[in-house]
Amino acid sequence: MDLYTVMCVRDRTEAHAWYEAFFGRPADETIGEELLWRLGENAWLVVDDREVRAARVGGAMVTLGVSGLDEMLARFAAHGIRHEPVETYGNGVRHVVVLDPDGNSLSLAEAPAD
């Protein structure tokens, strides 16, 4: 099974720059008007600003399991990407919510070191 999660945005040019900073790399593919970042073997995040998606702009919520959360937060700060405060859950997972310029929610969750 493959996963394609779509982040509906108002302005692809603005979103392109923001997501490049968020992921620390350019899009892996451009297909038509969609920008795609590969997140795993069979998982992709798609940025789409086509009119057909206009009613869904800002409504996405995604949680990504990550490692190196502190390095990611430093990169965000360097690019002016703001985030909510980092929470640490009782099981040691560190979690933070980042909103893209359109209000789409990208949560990052880092499991504790063994």
PDB file of N, CA and C in Angstrom:
ATOM      1  N   MET A   1       0.842  -1.172   0.000  1.00  0.00           N
ATOM      2  CA  MET A   1       0.000   0.000   0.000  1.00  0.00           C
ATOM      3  C   MET A   1       0.893   1.243   0.000  1.00  0.00           C
ATOM      4  N   ASP A   2       0.498   2.248  -0.747  1.00  0.00           N
ATOM      5  CA  ASP A   2       1.210   3.513  -0.806  1.00  0.00           C
ATOM      6  C   ASP A   2       0.361   4.585  -0.132  1.00  0.00           C
ATOM      7  N   LEU A   3       1.022   5.618   0.379  1.00  0.00           N
ATOM      8  CA  LEU A   3       0.329   6.733   1.015  1.00  0.00           C
ATOM      9  C   LEU A   3       0.733   8.026   0.324  1.00  0.00           C
ATOM     10  N   TYR A   4      -0.264   8.798  -0.086  1.00  0.00           N
ATOM     11  CA  TYR A   4      -0.059  10.138  -0.630  1.00  0.00           C
ATOM     12  C   TYR A   4      -0.925  11.074   0.199  1.00  0.00           C
ATOM     13  N   THR A   5      -0.309  11.921   1.005  1.00  0.00           N
ATOM     14  CA  THR A   5      -1.067  12.881   1.783  1.00  0.00           C
ATOM     15  C   THR A   5      -0.935  14.235   1.096  1.00  0.00           C
ATOM     16  N   VAL A   6      -2.052  14.908   0.879  1.00  0.00           N
ATOM     17  CA  VAL A   6      -2.065  16.148   0.108  1.00  0.00           C
ATOM     18  C   VAL A   6      -2.227  17.339   1.040  1.00  0.00           C
ATOM     19  N   MET A   7      -1.305  18.285   0.898  1.00  0.00           N
ATOM     20  CA  MET A   7      -1.368  19.550   1.623  1.00  0.00           C
ATOM     21  C   MET A   7      -1.887  20.579   0.624  1.00  0.00           C
ATOM     22  N   CYS A   8      -3.139  20.988   0.800  1.00  0.00           N
ATOM     23  CA  CYS A   8      -3.742  21.967  -0.099  1.00  0.00           C
ATOM     24  C   CYS A   8      -3.298  23.362   0.337  1.00  0.00           C
ATOM     25  N   VAL A   9      -2.754  24.122  -0.604  1.00  0.00           N
ATOM     26  CA  VAL A   9      -2.197  25.436  -0.307  1.00  0.00           C
ATOM     27  C   VAL A   9      -2.748  26.472  -1.269  1.00  0.00           C
ATOM     28  N   ARG A  10      -2.611  27.740  -0.899  1.00  0.00           N
ATOM     29  CA  ARG A  10      -3.088  28.826  -1.750  1.00  0.00           C
ATOM     30  C   ARG A  10      -2.095  29.184  -2.847  1.00  0.00           C
ATOM     31  N   ASP A  11      -0.797  29.139  -2.524  1.00  0.00           N
ATOM     32  CA  ASP A  11       0.236  29.628  -3.438  1.00  0.00           C
ATOM     33  C   ASP A  11       1.370  28.616  -3.490  1.00  0.00           C
ATOM     34  N   ARG A  12       1.485  27.923  -4.609  1.00  0.00           N
ATOM     35  CA  ARG A  12       2.484  26.856  -4.736  1.00  0.00           C
ATOM     36  C   ARG A  12       3.907  27.397  -4.619  1.00  0.00           C
ATOM     37  N   THR A  13       4.174  28.590  -5.145  1.00  0.00           N
ATOM     38  CA  THR A  13       5.523  29.161  -5.075  1.00  0.00           C
ATOM     39  C   THR A  13       5.927  29.400  -3.622  1.00  0.00           C
ATOM     40  N   GLU A  14       5.044  30.017  -2.851  1.00  0.00           N
ATOM     41  CA  GLU A  14       5.318  30.248  -1.429  1.00  0.00           C
ATOM     42  C   GLU A  14       5.447  28.917  -0.691  1.00  0.00           C
ATOM     43  N   ALA A  15       4.545  28.000  -0.967  1.00  0.00           N
ATOM     44  CA  ALA A  15       4.577  26.698  -0.304  1.00  0.00           C
ATOM     45  C   ALA A  15       5.833  25.919  -0.677  1.00  0.00           C
ATOM     46  N   HIS A  16       6.257  26.016  -1.922  1.00  0.00           N
ATOM     47  CA  HIS A  16       7.454  25.312  -2.379  1.00  0.00           C
ATOM     48  C   HIS A  16       8.659  25.726  -1.528  1.00  0.00           C
ATOM     49  N   ALA A  17       8.865  27.022  -1.356  1.00  0.00           N
ATOM     50  CA  ALA A  17       9.985  27.518  -0.549  1.00  0.00           C
ATOM     51  C   ALA A  17       9.839  27.069   0.906  1.00  0.00           C
ATOM     52  N   TRP A  18       8.630  27.143   1.447  1.00  0.00           N
ATOM     53  CA  TRP A  18       8.416  26.768   2.846  1.00  0.00           C
ATOM     54  C   TRP A  18       8.693  25.279   3.065  1.00  0.00           C
ATOM     55  N   TYR A  19       8.162  24.435   2.208  1.00  0.00           N
ATOM     56  CA  TYR A  19       8.357  22.992   2.375  1.00  0.00           C
ATOM     57  C   TYR A  19       9.802  22.577   2.114  1.00  0.00           C
ATOM     58  N   GLU A  20      10.501  23.266   1.227  1.00  0.00           N
ATOM     59  CA  GLU A  20      11.930  22.996   1.053  1.00  0.00           C
ATOM     60  C   GLU A  20      12.679  23.281   2.354  1.00  0.00           C
ATOM     61  N   ALA A  21      12.354  24.380   3.007  1.00  0.00           N
ATOM     62  CA  ALA A  21      12.983  24.698   4.292  1.00  0.00           C
ATOM     63  C   ALA A  21      12.569  23.695   5.357  1.00  0.00           C
ATOM     64  N   PHE A  22      11.296  23.313   5.373  1.00  0.00           N
ATOM     65  CA  PHE A  22      10.797  22.360   6.366  1.00  0.00           C
ATOM     66  C   PHE A  22      11.526  21.024   6.242  1.00  0.00           C
ATOM     67  N   PHE A  23      11.616  20.495   5.021  1.00  0.00           N
ATOM     68  CA  PHE A  23      12.252  19.189   4.818  1.00  0.00           C
ATOM     69  C   PHE A  23      13.768  19.279   4.654  1.00  0.00           C
ATOM     70  N   GLY A  24      14.293  20.475   4.438  1.00  0.00           N
ATOM     71  CA  GLY A  24      15.724  20.638   4.268  1.00  0.00           C
ATOM     72  C   GLY A  24      16.235  20.152   2.926  1.00  0.00           C
ATOM     73  N   ARG A  25      15.340  20.099   1.936  1.00  0.00           N
ATOM     74  CA  ARG A  25      15.730  19.623   0.606  1.00  0.00           C
ATOM     75  C   ARG A  25      14.627  19.982  -0.395  1.00  0.00           C
ATOM     76  N   PRO A  26      14.990  19.995  -1.675  1.00  0.00           N
ATOM     77  CA  PRO A  26      13.976  20.278  -2.699  1.00  0.00           C
ATOM     78  C   PRO A  26      12.963  19.131  -2.820  1.00  0.00           C
ATOM     79  N   ALA A  27      11.895  19.405  -3.504  1.00  0.00           N
ATOM     80  CA  ALA A  27      10.906  18.350  -3.785  1.00  0.00           C
ATOM     81  C   ALA A  27      11.581  17.221  -4.553  1.00  0.00           C
ATOM     82  N   ASP A  28      11.160  16.000  -4.286  1.00  0.00           N
ATOM     83  CA  ASP A  28      11.722  14.842  -4.976  1.00  0.00           C
ATOM     84  C   ASP A  28      11.180  14.711  -6.391  1.00  0.00           C
ATOM     85  N   GLU A  29       9.960  15.167  -6.591  1.00  0.00           N
ATOM     86  CA  GLU A  29       9.351  15.091  -7.921  1.00  0.00           C
ATOM     87  C   GLU A  29       8.375  16.234  -8.092  1.00  0.00           C
ATOM     88  N   THR A  30       8.192  16.621  -9.335  1.00  0.00           N
ATOM     89  CA  THR A  30       7.109  17.520  -9.721  1.00  0.00           C
ATOM     90  C   THR A  30       6.322  16.781 -10.782  1.00  0.00           C
ATOM     91  N   ILE A  31       5.041  16.594 -10.504  1.00  0.00           N
ATOM     92  CA  ILE A  31       4.169  15.905 -11.453  1.00  0.00           C
ATOM     93  C   ILE A  31       3.037  16.867 -11.786  1.00  0.00           C
ATOM     94  N   GLY A  32       3.045  17.359 -13.010  1.00  0.00           N
ATOM     95  CA  GLY A  32       2.073  18.376 -13.389  1.00  0.00           C
ATOM     96  C   GLY A  32       2.294  19.605 -12.525  1.00  0.00           C
ATOM     97  N   GLU A  33       1.284  19.992 -11.779  1.00  0.00           N
ATOM     98  CA  GLU A  33       1.368  21.156 -10.897  1.00  0.00           C
ATOM     99  C   GLU A  33       1.596  20.760  -9.440  1.00  0.00           C
ATOM    100  N   GLU A  34       1.802  19.491  -9.176  1.00  0.00           N
ATOM    101  CA  GLU A  34       1.985  19.021  -7.805  1.00  0.00           C
ATOM    102  C   GLU A  34       3.466  18.827  -7.485  1.00  0.00           C
ATOM    103  N   LEU A  35       3.839  19.205  -6.260  1.00  0.00           N
ATOM    104  CA  LEU A  35       5.187  18.993  -5.748  1.00  0.00           C
ATOM    105  C   LEU A  35       5.134  17.823  -4.779  1.00  0.00           C
ATOM    106  N   LEU A  36       6.072  16.885  -4.890  1.00  0.00           N
ATOM    107  CA  LEU A  36       6.044  15.687  -4.046  1.00  0.00           C
ATOM    108  C   LEU A  36       7.359  15.509  -3.297  1.00  0.00           C
ATOM    109  N   TRP A  37       7.241  15.279  -1.989  1.00  0.00           N
ATOM    110  CA  TRP A  37       8.381  14.914  -1.158  1.00  0.00           C
ATOM    111  C   TRP A  37       8.189  13.472  -0.718  1.00  0.00           C
ATOM    112  N   ARG A  38       9.208  12.660  -0.937  1.00  0.00           N
ATOM    113  CA  ARG A  38       9.159  11.260  -0.510  1.00  0.00           C
ATOM    114  C   ARG A  38       9.506  11.203   0.973  1.00  0.00           C
ATOM    115  N   LEU A  39       8.600  10.614   1.765  1.00  0.00           N
ATOM    116  CA  LEU A  39       8.788  10.538   3.207  1.00  0.00           C
ATOM    117  C   LEU A  39       9.203   9.149   3.671  1.00  0.00           C
ATOM    118  N   GLY A  40       9.003   8.173   2.846  1.00  0.00           N
ATOM    119  CA  GLY A  40       9.347   6.795   3.164  1.00  0.00           C
ATOM    120  C   GLY A  40       9.260   5.981   1.892  1.00  0.00           C
ATOM    121  N   GLU A  41       9.501   4.710   2.017  1.00  0.00           N
ATOM    122  CA  GLU A  41       9.520   3.853   0.826  1.00  0.00           C
ATOM    123  C   GLU A  41       8.251   3.995  -0.006  1.00  0.00           C
ATOM    124  N   ASN A  42       7.110   4.068   0.656  1.00  0.00           N
ATOM    125  CA  ASN A  42       5.824   4.153  -0.046  1.00  0.00           C
ATOM    126  C   ASN A  42       4.957   5.294   0.476  1.00  0.00           C
ATOM    127  N   ALA A  43       5.599   6.363   0.953  1.00  0.00           N
ATOM    128  CA  ALA A  43       4.843   7.473   1.534  1.00  0.00           C
ATOM    129  C   ALA A  43       5.324   8.795   0.946  1.00  0.00           C
ATOM    130  N   TRP A  44       4.371   9.594   0.514  1.00  0.00           N
ATOM    131  CA  TRP A  44       4.667  10.875  -0.124  1.00  0.00           C
ATOM    132  C   TRP A  44       3.814  11.983   0.476  1.00  0.00           C
ATOM    133  N   LEU A  45       4.377  13.194   0.555  1.00  0.00           N
ATOM    134  CA  LEU A  45       3.618  14.388   0.888  1.00  0.00           C
ATOM    135  C   LEU A  45       3.527  15.203  -0.392  1.00  0.00           C
ATOM    136  N   VAL A  46       2.310  15.576  -0.761  1.00  0.00           N
ATOM    137  CA  VAL A  46       2.035  16.288  -2.013  1.00  0.00           C
ATOM    138  C   VAL A  46       1.555  17.697  -1.682  1.00  0.00           C
ATOM    139  N   VAL A  47       2.141  18.691  -2.338  1.00  0.00           N
ATOM    140  CA  VAL A  47       1.706  20.081  -2.198  1.00  0.00           C
ATOM    141  C   VAL A  47       0.960  20.454  -3.472  1.00  0.00           C
ATOM    142  N   ASP A  48      -0.268  20.952  -3.297  1.00  0.00           N
ATOM    143  CA  ASP A  48      -1.150  21.188  -4.446  1.00  0.00           C
ATOM    144  C   ASP A  48      -1.909  22.494  -4.245  1.00  0.00           C
ATOM    145  N   ASP A  49      -1.822  23.393  -5.221  1.00  0.00           N
ATOM    146  CA  ASP A  49      -2.551  24.660  -5.136  1.00  0.00           C
ATOM    147  C   ASP A  49      -3.596  24.826  -6.235  1.00  0.00           C
ATOM    148  N   ARG A  50      -3.964  23.743  -6.867  1.00  0.00           N
ATOM    149  CA  ARG A  50      -4.954  23.861  -7.945  1.00  0.00           C
ATOM    150  C   ARG A  50      -6.311  24.296  -7.399  1.00  0.00           C
ATOM    151  N   GLU A  51      -7.063  24.984  -8.224  1.00  0.00           N
ATOM    152  CA  GLU A  51      -8.371  25.515  -7.832  1.00  0.00           C
ATOM    153  C   GLU A  51      -9.297  24.422  -7.309  1.00  0.00           C
ATOM    154  N   VAL A  52      -9.186  23.225  -7.841  1.00  0.00           N
ATOM    155  CA  VAL A  52     -10.039  22.123  -7.407  1.00  0.00           C
ATOM    156  C   VAL A  52      -9.840  21.803  -5.919  1.00  0.00           C
ATOM    157  N   ARG A  53      -8.722  22.216  -5.339  1.00  0.00           N
ATOM    158  CA  ARG A  53      -8.407  21.959  -3.926  1.00  0.00           C
ATOM    159  C   ARG A  53      -8.710  23.157  -3.021  1.00  0.00           C
ATOM    160  N   ALA A  54      -9.166  24.273  -3.574  1.00  0.00           N
ATOM    161  CA  ALA A  54      -9.304  25.526  -2.829  1.00  0.00           C
ATOM    162  C   ALA A  54     -10.129  25.385  -1.551  1.00  0.00           C
ATOM    163  N   ALA A  55     -11.176  24.607  -1.566  1.00  0.00           N
ATOM    164  CA  ALA A  55     -12.037  24.468  -0.387  1.00  0.00           C
ATOM    165  C   ALA A  55     -11.340  23.730   0.753  1.00  0.00           C
ATOM    166  N   ARG A  56     -10.251  23.034   0.457  1.00  0.00           N
ATOM    167  CA  ARG A  56      -9.559  22.238   1.476  1.00  0.00           C
ATOM    168  C   ARG A  56      -8.274  22.890   1.996  1.00  0.00           C
ATOM    169  N   VAL A  57      -7.956  24.079   1.520  1.00  0.00           N
ATOM    170  CA  VAL A  57      -6.721  24.750   1.946  1.00  0.00           C
ATOM    171  C   VAL A  57      -6.706  24.905   3.456  1.00  0.00           C
ATOM    172  N   GLY A  58      -5.590  24.505   4.067  1.00  0.00           N
ATOM    173  CA  GLY A  58      -5.389  24.678   5.499  1.00  0.00           C
ATOM    174  C   GLY A  58      -6.023  23.618   6.370  1.00  0.00           C
ATOM    175  N   GLY A  59      -6.630  22.595   5.792  1.00  0.00           N
ATOM    176  CA  GLY A  59      -7.356  21.619   6.589  1.00  0.00           C
ATOM    177  C   GLY A  59      -6.613  20.321   6.884  1.00  0.00           C
ATOM    178  N   ALA A  60      -5.361  20.202   6.438  1.00  0.00           N
ATOM    179  CA  ALA A  60      -4.641  18.930   6.622  1.00  0.00           C
ATOM    180  C   ALA A  60      -4.003  18.837   8.003  1.00  0.00           C
ATOM    181  N   MET A  61      -3.945  17.615   8.509  1.00  0.00           N
ATOM    182  CA  MET A  61      -3.252  17.311   9.762  1.00  0.00           C
ATOM    183  C   MET A  61      -2.462  16.032   9.548  1.00  0.00           C
ATOM    184  N   VAL A  62      -1.144  16.114   9.748  1.00  0.00           N
ATOM    185  CA  VAL A  62      -0.256  14.986   9.537  1.00  0.00           C
ATOM    186  C   VAL A  62       0.695  14.901  10.720  1.00  0.00           C
ATOM    187  N   THR A  63       0.991  13.685  11.168  1.00  0.00           N
ATOM    188  CA  THR A  63       2.034  13.484  12.173  1.00  0.00           C
ATOM    189  C   THR A  63       3.135  12.649  11.545  1.00  0.00           C
ATOM    190  N   LEU A  64       4.369  13.129  11.671  1.00  0.00           N
ATOM    191  CA  LEU A  64       5.534  12.453  11.118  1.00  0.00           C
ATOM    192  C   LEU A  64       6.434  11.996  12.260  1.00  0.00           C
ATOM    193  N   GLY A  65       6.814  10.744  12.249  1.00  0.00           N
ATOM    194  CA  GLY A  65       7.796  10.247  13.199  1.00  0.00           C
ATOM    195  C   GLY A  65       9.175  10.635  12.702  1.00  0.00           C
ATOM    196  N   VAL A  66       9.967  11.288  13.544  1.00  0.00           N
ATOM    197  CA  VAL A  66      11.272  11.802  13.120  1.00  0.00           C
ATOM    198  C   VAL A  66      12.351  11.424  14.125  1.00  0.00           C
ATOM    199  N   SER A  67      13.584  11.569  13.686  1.00  0.00           N
ATOM    200  CA  SER A  67      14.730  11.559  14.585  1.00  0.00           C
ATOM    201  C   SER A  67      15.491  12.845  14.307  1.00  0.00           C
ATOM    202  N   GLY A  68      16.251  13.330  15.270  1.00  0.00           N
ATOM    203  CA  GLY A  68      16.961  14.592  15.087  1.00  0.00           C
ATOM    204  C   GLY A  68      16.061  15.803  15.191  1.00  0.00           C
ATOM    205  N   LEU A  69      15.098  15.760  16.098  1.00  0.00           N
ATOM    206  CA  LEU A  69      14.135  16.860  16.236  1.00  0.00           C
ATOM    207  C   LEU A  69      14.830  18.189  16.532  1.00  0.00           C
ATOM    208  N   ASP A  70      15.836  18.185  17.398  1.00  0.00           N
ATOM    209  CA  ASP A  70      16.507  19.447  17.731  1.00  0.00           C
ATOM    210  C   ASP A  70      17.162  20.080  16.508  1.00  0.00           C
ATOM    211  N   GLU A  71      17.763  19.262  15.644  1.00  0.00           N
ATOM    212  CA  GLU A  71      18.375  19.783  14.422  1.00  0.00           C
ATOM    213  C   GLU A  71      17.303  20.359  13.492  1.00  0.00           C
ATOM    214  N   MET A  72      16.173  19.695  13.430  1.00  0.00           N
ATOM    215  CA  MET A  72      15.081  20.198  12.600  1.00  0.00           C
ATOM    216  C   MET A  72      14.596  21.548  13.123  1.00  0.00           C
ATOM    217  N   LEU A  73      14.425  21.665  14.434  1.00  0.00           N
ATOM    218  CA  LEU A  73      13.957  22.923  15.014  1.00  0.00           C
ATOM    219  C   LEU A  73      14.956  24.042  14.782  1.00  0.00           C
ATOM    220  N   ALA A  74      16.248  23.730  14.811  1.00  0.00           N
ATOM    221  CA  ALA A  74      17.270  24.738  14.521  1.00  0.00           C
ATOM    222  C   ALA A  74      17.158  25.197  13.061  1.00  0.00           C
ATOM    223  N   ARG A  75      16.938  24.250  12.144  1.00  0.00           N
ATOM    224  CA  ARG A  75      16.765  24.611  10.736  1.00  0.00           C
ATOM    225  C   ARG A  75      15.522  25.487  10.569  1.00  0.00           C
ATOM    226  N   PHE A  76      14.450  25.129  11.256  1.00  0.00           N
ATOM    227  CA  PHE A  76      13.230  25.934  11.169  1.00  0.00           C
ATOM    228  C   PHE A  76      13.516  27.369  11.618  1.00  0.00           C
ATOM    229  N   ALA A  77      14.209  27.502  12.751  1.00  0.00           N
ATOM    230  CA  ALA A  77      14.517  28.837  13.271  1.00  0.00           C
ATOM    231  C   ALA A  77      15.332  29.639  12.257  1.00  0.00           C
ATOM    232  N   ALA A  78      16.281  28.984  11.607  1.00  0.00           N
ATOM    233  CA  ALA A  78      17.118  29.667  10.618  1.00  0.00           C
ATOM    234  C   ALA A  78      16.313  30.155   9.419  1.00  0.00           C
ATOM    235  N   HIS A  79      15.169  29.521   9.156  1.00  0.00           N
ATOM    236  CA  HIS A  79      14.320  29.889   8.015  1.00  0.00           C
ATOM    237  C   HIS A  79      13.061  30.636   8.444  1.00  0.00           C
ATOM    238  N   GLY A  80      12.968  30.987   9.714  1.00  0.00           N
ATOM    239  CA  GLY A  80      11.809  31.732  10.190  1.00  0.00           C
ATOM    240  C   GLY A  80      10.539  30.909  10.298  1.00  0.00           C
ATOM    241  N   ILE A  81      10.680  29.582  10.349  1.00  0.00           N
ATOM    242  CA  ILE A  81       9.512  28.712  10.516  1.00  0.00           C
ATOM    243  C   ILE A  81       9.214  28.595  12.007  1.00  0.00           C
ATOM    244  N   ARG A  82       8.029  29.022  12.383  1.00  0.00           N
ATOM    245  CA  ARG A  82       7.631  28.999  13.796  1.00  0.00           C
ATOM    246  C   ARG A  82       6.911  27.707  14.117  1.00  0.00           C
ATOM    247  N   HIS A  83       6.919  27.359  15.393  1.00  0.00           N
ATOM    248  CA  HIS A  83       6.246  26.141  15.850  1.00  0.00           C
ATOM    249  C   HIS A  83       5.716  26.358  17.254  1.00  0.00           C
ATOM    250  N   GLU A  84       4.820  25.479  17.656  1.00  0.00           N
ATOM    251  CA  GLU A  84       4.313  25.514  19.022  1.00  0.00           C
ATOM    252  C   GLU A  84       5.387  24.978  19.960  1.00  0.00           C
ATOM    253  N   PRO A  85       5.213  25.146  21.267  1.00  0.00           N
ATOM    254  CA  PRO A  85       6.202  24.610  22.204  1.00  0.00           C
ATOM    255  C   PRO A  85       6.316  23.083  22.087  1.00  0.00           C
ATOM    256  N   VAL A  86       7.520  22.587  22.307  1.00  0.00           N
ATOM    257  CA  VAL A  86       7.763  21.147  22.293  1.00  0.00           C
ATOM    258  C   VAL A  86       7.204  20.558  23.584  1.00  0.00           C
ATOM    259  N   GLU A  87       6.442  19.495  23.448  1.00  0.00           N
ATOM    260  CA  GLU A  87       5.902  18.767  24.597  1.00  0.00           C
ATOM    261  C   GLU A  87       6.656  17.452  24.739  1.00  0.00           C
ATOM    262  N   THR A  88       6.799  16.983  25.958  1.00  0.00           N
ATOM    263  CA  THR A  88       7.347  15.648  26.185  1.00  0.00           C
ATOM    264  C   THR A  88       6.274  14.841  26.896  1.00  0.00           C
ATOM    265  N   TYR A  89       5.849  13.766  26.267  1.00  0.00           N
ATOM    266  CA  TYR A  89       4.811  12.911  26.831  1.00  0.00           C
ATOM    267  C   TYR A  89       5.387  12.001  27.909  1.00  0.00           C
ATOM    268  N   GLY A  90       4.519  11.401  28.690  1.00  0.00           N
ATOM    269  CA  GLY A  90       4.930  10.507  29.767  1.00  0.00           C
ATOM    270  C   GLY A  90       5.780   9.341  29.303  1.00  0.00           C
ATOM    271  N   ASN A  91       5.625   8.930  28.062  1.00  0.00           N
ATOM    272  CA  ASN A  91       6.420   7.819  27.530  1.00  0.00           C
ATOM    273  C   ASN A  91       7.746   8.286  26.929  1.00  0.00           C
ATOM    274  N   GLY A  92       8.045   9.597  27.063  1.00  0.00           N
ATOM    275  CA  GLY A  92       9.305  10.137  26.581  1.00  0.00           C
ATOM    276  C   GLY A  92       9.272  10.677  25.160  1.00  0.00           C
ATOM    277  N   VAL A  93       8.178  10.483  24.442  1.00  0.00           N
ATOM    278  CA  VAL A  93       8.069  11.015  23.081  1.00  0.00           C
ATOM    279  C   VAL A  93       8.019  12.537  23.141  1.00  0.00           C
ATOM    280  N   ARG A  94       8.846  13.170  22.308  1.00  0.00           N
ATOM    281  CA  ARG A  94       8.824  14.624  22.169  1.00  0.00           C
ATOM    282  C   ARG A  94       7.983  14.963  20.941  1.00  0.00           C
ATOM    283  N   HIS A  95       7.090  15.953  21.094  1.00  0.00           N
ATOM    284  CA  HIS A  95       6.100  16.264  20.064  1.00  0.00           C
ATOM    285  C   HIS A  95       6.011  17.773  19.885  1.00  0.00           C
ATOM    286  N   VAL A  96       5.919  18.188  18.632  1.00  0.00           N
ATOM    287  CA  VAL A  96       5.753  19.611  18.338  1.00  0.00           C
ATOM    288  C   VAL A  96       4.858  19.766  17.114  1.00  0.00           C
ATOM    289  N   VAL A  97       4.064  20.814  17.108  1.00  0.00           N
ATOM    290  CA  VAL A  97       3.180  21.116  15.982  1.00  0.00           C
ATOM    291  C   VAL A  97       3.748  22.312  15.224  1.00  0.00           C
ATOM    292  N   VAL A  98       3.823  22.163  13.903  1.00  0.00           N
ATOM    293  CA  VAL A  98       4.282  23.220  12.999  1.00  0.00           C
ATOM    294  C   VAL A  98       3.152  23.471  12.010  1.00  0.00           C
ATOM    295  N   LEU A  99       2.805  24.735  11.809  1.00  0.00           N
ATOM    296  CA  LEU A  99       1.777  25.086  10.832  1.00  0.00           C
ATOM    297  C   LEU A  99       2.429  25.707   9.611  1.00  0.00           C
ATOM    298  N   ASP A 100       2.020  25.248   8.426  1.00  0.00           N
ATOM    299  CA  ASP A 100       2.532  25.865   7.207  1.00  0.00           C
ATOM    300  C   ASP A 100       1.838  27.223   7.020  1.00  0.00           C
ATOM    301  N   PRO A 101       2.223  28.020   6.038  1.00  0.00           N
ATOM    302  CA  PRO A 101       1.627  29.347   5.869  1.00  0.00           C
ATOM    303  C   PRO A 101       0.114  29.349   5.681  1.00  0.00           C
ATOM    304  N   ASP A 102      -0.469  28.215   5.288  1.00  0.00           N
ATOM    305  CA  ASP A 102      -1.914  28.132   5.100  1.00  0.00           C
ATOM    306  C   ASP A 102      -2.644  27.523   6.284  1.00  0.00           C
ATOM    307  N   GLY A 103      -1.912  27.124   7.324  1.00  0.00           N
ATOM    308  CA  GLY A 103      -2.535  26.543   8.510  1.00  0.00           C
ATOM    309  C   GLY A 103      -2.592  25.035   8.517  1.00  0.00           C
ATOM    310  N   ASN A 104      -2.036  24.363   7.505  1.00  0.00           N
ATOM    311  CA  ASN A 104      -1.940  22.901   7.544  1.00  0.00           C
ATOM    312  C   ASN A 104      -1.014  22.517   8.695  1.00  0.00           C
ATOM    313  N   SER A 105      -1.390  21.486   9.435  1.00  0.00           N
ATOM    314  CA  SER A 105      -0.655  21.071  10.629  1.00  0.00           C
ATOM    315  C   SER A 105       0.262  19.892  10.324  1.00  0.00           C
ATOM    316  N   LEU A 106       1.544  20.079  10.597  1.00  0.00           N
ATOM    317  CA  LEU A 106       2.535  19.017  10.481  1.00  0.00           C
ATOM    318  C   LEU A 106       3.103  18.798  11.879  1.00  0.00           C
ATOM    319  N   SER A 107       2.693  17.730  12.536  1.00  0.00           N
ATOM    320  CA  SER A 107       3.218  17.401  13.856  1.00  0.00           C
ATOM    321  C   SER A 107       4.442  16.528  13.687  1.00  0.00           C
ATOM    322  N   LEU A 108       5.436  16.762  14.527  1.00  0.00           N
ATOM    323  CA  LEU A 108       6.648  15.952  14.535  1.00  0.00           C
ATOM    324  C   LEU A 108       6.732  15.233  15.863  1.00  0.00           C
ATOM    325  N   ALA A 109       6.995  13.943  15.823  1.00  0.00           N
ATOM    326  CA  ALA A 109       7.081  13.143  17.045  1.00  0.00           C
ATOM    327  C   ALA A 109       8.403  12.375  17.018  1.00  0.00           C
ATOM    328  N   GLU A 110       9.200  12.551  18.076  1.00  0.00           N
ATOM    329  CA  GLU A 110      10.494  11.863  18.166  1.00  0.00           C
ATOM    330  C   GLU A 110      10.452  10.928  19.366  1.00  0.00           C
ATOM    331  N   ALA A 111      10.667   9.644  19.101  1.00  0.00           N
ATOM    332  CA  ALA A 111      10.702   8.645  20.169  1.00  0.00           C
ATOM    333  C   ALA A 111      11.957   8.845  21.005  1.00  0.00           C
ATOM    334  N   PRO A 112      11.913   8.482  22.291  1.00  0.00           N
ATOM    335  CA  PRO A 112      13.102   8.628  23.120  1.00  0.00           C
ATOM    336  C   PRO A 112      14.209   7.683  22.674  1.00  0.00           C
ATOM    337  N   ALA A 113      15.439   8.097  22.937  1.00  0.00           N
ATOM    338  CA  ALA A 113      16.586   7.229  22.623  1.00  0.00           C
ATOM    339  C   ALA A 113      16.508   5.990  23.508  1.00  0.00           C
ATOM    340  N   ASP A 114      16.999   4.870  22.970  1.00  0.00           N
ATOM    341  CA  ASP A 114      16.984   3.620  23.741  1.00  0.00           C
ATOM    342  C   ASP A 114      17.917   3.686  24.919  1.00  0.00           C
TER     343      ASP A 114
END
